[in-house]
Amino acid sequence: MKKVLMAVALFTALCFGYNKLNAQTATGFKVGVFDLDIMVQVMPEYRVADSLTQIYNRDTLGAEYQVYMSEYQRLDSTLKADTAKGNVAKTVMDYNNQQKQQMATQLMYWQQIAQQKSQDYQRQLLAPTYKKVLAAYKKVLAAKKYDLILKPDAYEVGSKLENMFPFVAKELGVTLPQGLTVDPNQALNDPSLGGAAGAAKP
């Protein structure tokens, strides 16, 4: 009986909260739609950072991978030769084997290591852009007095929301792609627009 009473009380509280939220929405509770990462990808600086990151991936990370591979092969050959000789000190063999294992670990996890390094590099390049977009976002937030901000993939179509992207873009002096200029109730949830749910983070 106690559990039934608690369930009824919880249900009543949830209904009350839902009604209160609806009442707030009807009396001026403002909800905006915005995503900092998506807005950064619209900026011209993002394309520059993306190009530089691709060069970094190819030249720096590609060269680093080759160093690990060459060192692994060298150590492997050295260990085989030393084993064949049979008169190499155990400490030397152990040291070379340990180094070989370290190189093998680097190669085994290289994809994850390289991805993390690439993301860190791009994040560093985009730090000033994030700062600029954040400042514009805060200006819009202060001027429009939103009560709640949702990301494009965090709401259901049909909610009464205001698309913040055009306001922030105006502050920054950039042109938005078509997908971000439309009514958020209709299209911001569509990942084919190149913005919302599937946007890649730097």
Protein backbone atom coordinates (compact mmCIF):
# COMPACT_ATOMS: atom_id res chain seq x y z
CA MET A 1 0.00 0.00 0.00
CA LYS A 2 2.87 2.29 0.87
CA LYS A 3 4.41 1.74 -2.58
CA VAL A 4 1.09 2.51 -4.28
CA LEU A 5 0.74 5.77 -2.31
CA MET A 6 4.32 6.77 -3.20
CA ALA A 7 3.67 6.02 -6.89
CA VAL A 8 0.49 8.14 -6.83
CA ALA A 9 2.35 10.98 -5.09
CA LEU A 10 5.18 10.81 -7.65
CA PHE A 11 2.72 10.77 -10.56
CA THR A 12 0.90 13.80 -9.11
CA ALA A 13 4.19 15.66 -8.69
CA LEU A 14 5.21 14.91 -12.27
CA CYS A 15 1.84 16.07 -13.60
CA PHE A 16 2.12 19.25 -11.55
CA GLY A 17 5.62 19.90 -12.89
CA TYR A 18 4.48 19.32 -16.48
CA ASN A 19 1.51 21.68 -16.05
CA LYS A 20 3.75 24.28 -14.44
CA LEU A 21 6.19 24.08 -17.38
CA ASN A 22 3.33 24.46 -19.85
CA ALA A 23 2.04 27.44 -17.91
CA GLN A 24 5.51 29.03 -17.92
CA THR A 25 5.80 28.45 -21.67
CA ALA A 26 2.44 30.10 -22.22
CA THR A 27 3.43 33.10 -20.09
CA GLY A 28 6.74 33.87 -21.75
CA PHE A 29 9.09 31.05 -20.76
CA LYS A 30 11.60 31.39 -23.62
CA VAL A 31 13.39 28.35 -24.99
CA GLY A 32 16.20 28.73 -27.52
CA VAL A 33 17.97 26.22 -29.76
CA PHE A 34 21.73 26.48 -30.13
CA ASP A 35 24.92 24.42 -30.28
CA LEU A 36 28.36 25.99 -29.88
CA ASP A 37 30.15 23.25 -31.84
CA ILE A 38 27.82 23.58 -34.83
CA MET A 39 28.23 27.36 -34.88
CA VAL A 40 32.04 27.04 -34.81
CA GLN A 41 31.84 24.76 -37.87
CA VAL A 42 30.06 27.57 -39.75
CA MET A 43 32.93 29.99 -39.13
CA PRO A 44 35.54 30.58 -41.89
CA GLU A 45 38.26 29.78 -39.35
CA TYR A 46 36.95 26.24 -39.08
CA ARG A 47 37.75 25.47 -42.72
CA VAL A 48 41.30 26.79 -42.22
CA ALA A 49 41.74 24.73 -39.04
CA ASP A 50 40.33 21.66 -40.77
CA SER A 51 42.82 22.01 -43.65
CA LEU A 52 45.73 22.50 -41.23
CA THR A 53 44.61 19.47 -39.23
CA GLN A 54 44.59 17.32 -42.37
CA ILE A 55 48.15 18.45 -43.14
CA TYR A 56 49.16 17.70 -39.54
CA ASN A 57 47.59 14.23 -39.79
CA ARG A 58 49.39 13.47 -43.03
CA ASP A 59 52.81 15.00 -42.37
CA THR A 60 53.39 14.99 -38.60
CA LEU A 61 51.34 12.01 -37.47
CA GLY A 62 52.19 10.04 -40.62
CA ALA A 63 55.91 10.60 -39.99
CA GLU A 64 55.52 9.66 -36.32
CA TYR A 65 53.88 6.37 -37.28
CA GLN A 66 56.75 5.58 -39.64
CA VAL A 67 59.27 6.23 -36.84
CA TYR A 68 57.49 3.75 -34.56
CA MET A 69 57.27 1.17 -37.36
CA SER A 70 60.95 1.54 -38.30
CA GLU A 71 62.03 1.31 -34.67
CA TYR A 72 59.89 -1.80 -34.12
CA GLN A 73 61.40 -3.49 -37.18
CA ARG A 74 64.95 -2.53 -36.12
CA LEU A 75 64.45 -3.90 -32.60
CA ASP A 76 62.86 -7.07 -33.96
CA SER A 77 65.84 -7.65 -36.28
CA THR A 78 68.31 -6.89 -33.47
CA LEU A 79 66.64 -9.36 -31.12
CA LYS A 80 66.62 -12.10 -33.77
CA ALA A 81 70.30 -11.51 -34.54
CA ASP A 82 71.25 -11.44 -30.84
CA THR A 83 69.29 -14.64 -30.22
CA ALA A 84 71.14 -16.33 -33.08
CA LYS A 85 74.52 -15.27 -31.64
CA GLY A 86 73.64 -16.66 -28.25
CA ASN A 87 76.35 -14.66 -26.43
CA VAL A 88 74.49 -11.32 -25.87
CA ALA A 89 73.96 -10.33 -22.22
CA LYS A 90 70.49 -11.00 -20.84
CA THR A 91 70.14 -7.40 -19.62
CA VAL A 92 70.66 -6.16 -23.20
CA MET A 93 68.18 -8.69 -24.57
CA ASP A 94 65.61 -7.75 -21.90
CA TYR A 95 66.06 -4.04 -22.59
CA ASN A 96 65.64 -4.45 -26.36
CA ASN A 97 62.62 -6.70 -25.84
CA GLN A 98 61.03 -4.11 -23.54
CA GLN A 99 61.62 -1.38 -26.14
CA LYS A 100 60.13 -3.60 -28.84
CA GLN A 101 57.01 -4.18 -26.70
CA GLN A 102 56.62 -0.42 -26.21
CA MET A 103 56.81 0.14 -29.97
CA ALA A 104 54.31 -2.69 -30.53
CA THR A 105 51.88 -1.08 -28.08
CA GLN A 106 52.19 2.29 -29.85
CA LEU A 107 51.48 0.63 -33.21
CA MET A 108 48.60 -1.44 -31.84
CA TYR A 109 46.81 1.60 -30.43
CA TRP A 110 48.01 4.06 -33.05
CA GLN A 111 44.56 4.81 -34.45
CA GLN A 112 43.26 5.95 -31.04
CA ILE A 113 46.50 7.78 -30.22
CA ALA A 114 46.53 9.59 -33.57
CA GLN A 115 42.84 10.51 -33.29
CA GLN A 116 43.39 12.02 -29.84
CA LYS A 117 46.45 13.98 -31.02
CA SER A 118 44.54 15.21 -34.07
CA GLN A 119 41.59 16.35 -31.94
CA ASP A 120 43.91 18.11 -29.48
CA TYR A 121 45.68 19.89 -32.35
CA GLN A 122 42.40 21.04 -33.93
CA ARG A 123 41.02 22.10 -30.53
CA GLN A 124 44.12 24.25 -30.01
CA LEU A 125 43.71 25.86 -33.44
CA LEU A 126 40.02 26.56 -32.82
CA ALA A 127 40.36 27.89 -29.25
CA PRO A 128 40.19 31.58 -30.37
CA THR A 129 37.15 30.81 -32.59
CA TYR A 130 35.33 29.10 -29.72
CA LYS A 131 36.06 32.16 -27.58
CA LYS A 132 34.65 34.50 -30.25
CA VAL A 133 31.50 32.40 -30.80
CA LEU A 134 30.95 32.07 -27.05
CA ALA A 135 31.14 35.86 -26.63
CA ALA A 136 28.52 36.38 -29.39
CA TYR A 137 26.31 33.67 -27.88
CA LYS A 138 26.45 35.34 -24.46
CA LYS A 139 25.46 38.68 -26.01
CA VAL A 140 22.41 37.12 -27.66
CA LEU A 141 21.57 35.27 -24.45
CA ALA A 142 21.66 38.50 -22.46
CA ALA A 143 19.64 40.46 -25.05
CA LYS A 144 16.95 37.81 -25.68
CA LYS A 145 16.63 36.64 -22.06
CA TYR A 146 16.15 32.93 -22.70
CA ASP A 147 15.11 30.74 -19.79
CA LEU A 148 16.36 27.50 -21.31
CA ILE A 149 18.74 26.54 -24.15
CA LEU A 150 18.48 23.17 -25.91
CA LYS A 151 20.75 21.54 -28.46
CA PRO A 152 19.16 20.72 -31.84
CA ASP A 153 19.01 17.01 -31.06
CA ALA A 154 17.60 17.44 -27.54
CA TYR A 155 13.95 18.29 -28.21
CA GLU A 156 10.89 17.03 -30.02
CA VAL A 157 9.54 18.75 -33.11
CA GLY A 158 6.46 20.73 -32.23
CA SER A 159 7.89 22.45 -29.17
CA LYS A 160 7.72 26.24 -29.14
CA LEU A 161 11.37 27.15 -29.62
CA GLU A 162 13.39 30.01 -31.02
CA ASN A 163 16.31 29.38 -33.36
CA MET A 164 19.33 31.25 -31.91
CA PHE A 165 21.70 30.51 -34.79
CA PRO A 166 20.68 33.52 -36.96
CA PHE A 167 21.08 35.92 -34.01
CA VAL A 168 24.55 34.62 -33.12
CA ALA A 169 25.54 34.60 -36.81
CA LYS A 170 24.48 38.26 -37.08
CA GLU A 171 26.68 39.13 -34.09
CA LEU A 172 29.60 37.36 -35.76
CA GLY A 173 28.90 38.70 -39.26
CA VAL A 174 28.75 35.26 -40.90
CA THR A 175 26.25 33.66 -43.27
CA LEU A 176 24.54 30.50 -42.13
CA PRO A 177 23.93 27.46 -44.35
CA GLN A 178 20.26 26.94 -45.26
CA GLY A 179 19.74 24.19 -42.68
CA LEU A 180 20.48 26.52 -39.77
CA THR A 181 18.33 29.45 -40.90
CA VAL A 182 15.03 27.61 -40.85
CA ASP A 183 12.49 27.25 -38.06
CA PRO A 184 13.99 24.86 -35.47
CA ASN A 185 10.55 23.28 -35.03
CA GLN A 186 10.77 22.03 -38.61
CA ALA A 187 14.32 21.24 -39.55
CA LEU A 188 17.10 21.49 -36.98
CA ASN A 189 16.65 17.85 -36.00
CA ASP A 190 17.40 16.74 -39.56
CA PRO A 191 21.01 15.40 -39.62
CA SER A 192 21.13 15.77 -43.40
CA LEU A 193 21.33 19.53 -42.96
CA GLY A 194 24.97 19.25 -41.96
CA GLY A 195 24.40 20.78 -38.58
CA ALA A 196 22.35 19.04 -36.00
CA ALA A 197 22.60 15.55 -34.62
CA GLY A 198 25.53 14.21 -36.58
CA ALA A 199 27.84 17.22 -36.40
CA ALA A 200 31.42 16.18 -35.78
CA LYS A 201 33.11 17.92 -32.78
CA PRO A 202 36.55 19.26 -33.11
